[in-house]
Amino acid sequence: MLCHLAGLALVPPRAPTLAPRRGWQRSAVASSVRPPPLPDDRPGLPPPTEEGGVLAQILPISLLLESQEADRAGDLAVGEDAGAFAWRNERWGQVIEDGGEVGRDWLTFFAAVGTIMSALVVLWIYSPTGYGDDFLAALEAACGGNSHLVTLAFGILFPLVHSGLAGLRPYASRVTGERLWRVLFASCSLPLAYSWIVYFISHAHDGVVWWNGEASPVAHAVAWCASFSSFFLLYPSVFNLKEVAAVEKPRLHLWETGVIRITRHPQMVGQLLWSAAHLSMVGSSFTALTMALLVGHHLFAVWHGDRRLEAEHGDAFRAVKERTSVWPFLAILDGRQTLPPDYYKELVRAPYVLIAAGTLAAYKAHPYMQAGAALVRNTGLVPGGVLDGLLGETLLVYYPLCHWVWGGGWLARLGVCDFAGGIVIHTSAGVASLVTALRLGPRVGFAGLASHSLAPHNFPMAATGAGLLWVGWFAFNGGSALAVGSLAASALLSMHVAGAGGALEYLRIDDALDVTSIHGVTGVVGSLLLGVYASSEVNPAGPDGSLDQLRLQALGVAAEELDGLDRSQHAESSYLDLAAFVKHATPTTDELFEGADLALGEVSPAKRRSGQSLSVRLARVEIAEAAMV
């Protein structure tokens, strides 16, 4: 039963009958009429009996599969019944429903959680690709390496982000919608929470250590019981996991039953218990400061949560507030709250089974958490992340080149032709690879530079990779014709011959994937020769080969190298400063052709002067557009 329920969360309880914001009146107890059953595409479980089977006298199992209301005759019934659940209403569903709408059932939930957690791992947790280590290194540098100041910084940043974004929800969600705002909220809160937890585990013994109860069985038992109990108070959000994952529209709920009868702010009480449990185990100054910060945040959340609930629910919240208390059992002792005679029905519910299972799993996972925290600490800083190359190469190189050549930019207006990426993709990639290889230098063992060689050692993998590359080339280059015909066939043949010809090239540089030769050299040569062999008979939309077109192609290749890579990626200046050319706005013919002629090896003034027809076309270029690019 626990295994099945551990994978479940809860549908929203029946919508309560809320009083108007001005004034309230007591409403009748909700009807017990059950909704009609949905199509049975649920995971297999035996149908519950009314009495719960043979264990009914020990534990009413049926209450876990379908919640029953306790006697609410003494309630105001202006709030919701917390943790209500009905197994028969649950469906696996589909991620994409018929009609193209996103599903709102469990497959969508697991897909959403998997996506969010994968993004968290790649973008934050895993050091080579994520930025969690960069963030922590920056925080430690700002704090001078003092772990107490680092946890203090976490204790300030996390509440600002977590509570601040929660406070902005009523305003921001009007623009983003409730679901997107929940995703943005989680995208900011989860990384900070993860980093703070890992940092706490790694530094729990820092500073002055007054006591250490980790070796005491009594201290361990007391801490375990307090910590286990705290989780039943810390996480009332599991009353509807689908809202947590934004599968269903998140709402700010006004609960009136369950643990709310004992304390209106169970998360604060749970945090007190959890912090006391951990401080009893490790009595260090670092742990004491961290626990004080966590408790302080939740004490602030008492005021902040009441303010948000009152703004959302008005008089209904004020009525519930009068009958509940912040500190446990105080409202009961004052006579403002009365527990129903069958109060157990509000606690024997699936959410609490889920919490119990999750808490036990977390306890068993403690050694792995500690090992993971040690791994993170020992790994240290791996600068940068997965977005560095994407942002740098894509935004600073690929996007400008695409615009110049394919997006109606200045090279396109001149007449530079690039059918399937010879300039935009292959030349840029080849030049980038060449510069990187030259800057890094060869590996030890490359071309006999050491006693051992770097001879290829896995021919099947190399052949598989080359085959995949070939399939991709066929699809991209042939597909650039946008139709099946002679143009596509010509592109496929040219690509096949040129790709095979790349194997004949050898450059004495350590480029393990041969990007320079396979992409760079063939991209440059192919782009230049297009100015010689291009034919409108093959591609009616393209130019014919001519000296004029050859110069244009050379200009396109030179512009890619000079401004697209040298300046944006390597802070270098090559033959022609295109930025200066744009700045002066009155370029001479010599300036215009300097890069193109050098790329062709044509440096004589006589040959440069032969491009008068091209200079007329260059005069039409809008300098302002080039400056913007």
Foldseek 3Di string as FASTA:
>chain_A
DLVVLLLDFADDADDFDAADLPDGAADDDDDPDDDDFDPPQAPDDPDADPQCPPCSVPANVVCAQFFDDFDCPVPSRNFGQFLGHHNRRAHCADCQDPVRHGDLHNVVLVVLVVVLVVCCCQADNPFAAHCVLVVLVVLCVVVVNDLLVSLVVLLVVLLCLQLVLVVCVVPVCVPVNQLVSLSVSCVPNVNSVVSSVLSCLVCVQPAAWPDAQQPPPVLLVQLLVLLLVLLVLQDSVSSPSSCNSSSDRDDLGDHQADCQLFAVRSNLVSLVSNLVSVCSRTVHPSSVSNSVSSNVSSVVVVVSVLVVCCVVRRPSSVLSPQLGHHHTCPSVVVVSGDQGPVSVSSVSYSSVSNSNVVSVVVVVCVVVSSVSSVVDVVVHHDPDHNCPCVCQCVVQFLVVLCCCCPVPRQLVLLAQDDQQQLQRPQQLQLLVLVVVQVVVDADCQDPNNHPHHPPDDDVVVVVVVVVVVLVVQLCRQLCSVVDDDLLSVVSNVVLVVLQVVLVVDDDRTHRPVSSNSNRNVSSLVVLLCCLACPDCVSPVVHDHHDPLNNLSSLLSNLCSVARNDCVSPPVDHDFADVLVVLVVVDDDLCNSRRRSCVSVVNDDPVVSVVNPVSVVSSVPRDSVSVNVD
